Amino acid sequence: FTALAVAIGGQSELVSPYIQNIGSEEQKKYWLPKMVSGDVVSAIAMTEANAGSDLQAIRTQAILKDEHYVVDGSKTF
């Protein structure tokens, strides 16, 4: 049950505020209802070789290519 609580807390306390505060209206309409209904589970990656947990210094990107995302960057874990 601890893992589930952490997952829910991460989504509701970390990810959704980013979408609510800096997301476009299109992103809010698309992602927030799916997060609330449980259709998607979100996560945030907070470690990078040159950034640690400094989110503003993170340079990794997820780039949509065809129908899939390609992650470009490096992680420390």
Protein backbone atom coordinates (compact mmCIF):
# COMPACT_ATOMS: atom_id res chain seq x y z
CA PHE A 1 0.00 0.00 0.00
CA THR A 2 2.93 2.34 0.55
CA ALA A 3 3.91 2.27 -3.13
CA LEU A 4 0.37 3.11 -4.16
CA ALA A 5 0.25 6.02 -1.71
CA VAL A 6 3.56 7.34 -3.05
CA ALA A 7 2.35 7.03 -6.64
CA ILE A 8 -0.90 8.86 -5.91
CA GLY A 9 0.89 11.51 -3.88
CA GLY A 10 3.46 12.03 -6.63
CA GLN A 11 0.75 12.51 -9.20
CA SER A 12 -1.48 14.77 -7.13
CA GLU A 13 1.19 16.74 -5.25
CA LEU A 14 3.99 17.00 -7.82
CA VAL A 15 2.81 16.50 -11.38
CA SER A 16 -0.68 18.00 -11.42
CA PRO A 17 0.45 21.37 -9.96
CA TYR A 18 2.95 21.73 -12.81
CA ILE A 19 0.19 21.11 -15.34
CA GLN A 20 -2.25 23.38 -13.49
CA ASN A 21 0.22 26.26 -13.10
CA ILE A 22 2.29 26.22 -16.28
CA GLY A 23 0.44 23.91 -18.67
CA SER A 24 -1.47 25.19 -21.67
CA GLU A 25 -5.26 25.03 -21.63
CA GLU A 26 -5.04 22.16 -24.10
CA GLN A 27 -2.69 20.23 -21.79
CA LYS A 28 -4.92 20.87 -18.78
CA LYS A 29 -8.04 19.66 -20.62
CA TYR A 30 -6.25 16.59 -21.93
CA TRP A 31 -4.23 15.39 -18.92
CA LEU A 32 -6.00 16.47 -15.73
CA PRO A 33 -9.29 14.59 -16.30
CA LYS A 34 -7.33 11.44 -17.20
CA MET A 35 -5.22 11.77 -14.06
CA VAL A 36 -8.32 12.20 -11.89
CA SER A 37 -10.13 9.24 -13.45
CA GLY A 38 -7.08 6.99 -13.19
CA ASP A 39 -6.86 6.46 -16.95
CA VAL A 40 -3.25 7.65 -16.79
CA VAL A 41 -0.67 7.64 -14.06
CA SER A 42 1.88 10.43 -14.28
CA ALA A 43 5.39 10.67 -12.95
CA ILE A 44 8.17 13.19 -12.72
CA ALA A 45 11.81 12.47 -13.38
CA MET A 46 13.92 14.56 -11.06
CA THR A 47 17.47 13.36 -11.43
CA GLU A 48 19.95 14.17 -14.15
CA ALA A 49 23.73 13.94 -14.22
CA ASN A 50 24.29 17.72 -14.23
CA ALA A 51 21.13 18.78 -12.42
CA GLY A 52 20.45 16.42 -9.54
CA SER A 53 16.98 17.34 -8.34
CA ASP A 54 17.18 20.96 -9.58
CA LEU A 55 14.21 20.81 -11.96
CA GLN A 56 15.13 24.07 -13.69
CA ALA A 57 18.51 22.65 -14.71
CA ILE A 58 17.13 19.45 -16.25
CA ARG A 59 17.66 19.21 -20.02
CA THR A 60 16.22 15.75 -20.81
CA GLN A 61 13.36 15.92 -23.31
CA ALA A 62 10.65 13.58 -24.51
CA ILE A 63 10.23 14.21 -28.24
CA LEU A 64 7.22 12.87 -30.13
CA LYS A 65 8.41 10.86 -33.13
CA ASP A 66 5.68 9.22 -35.19
CA GLU A 67 3.42 7.66 -32.54
CA HIS A 68 6.05 7.27 -29.80
CA TYR A 69 8.11 9.48 -27.56
CA VAL A 70 11.89 9.36 -27.72
CA VAL A 71 13.66 10.40 -24.53
CA ASP A 72 16.80 12.42 -25.20
CA GLY A 73 19.05 13.01 -22.21
CA SER A 74 20.71 11.21 -19.35
CA LYS A 75 19.65 10.03 -15.93
CA THR A 76 21.77 9.30 -12.89
CA PHE A 77 19.74 6.31 -11.66
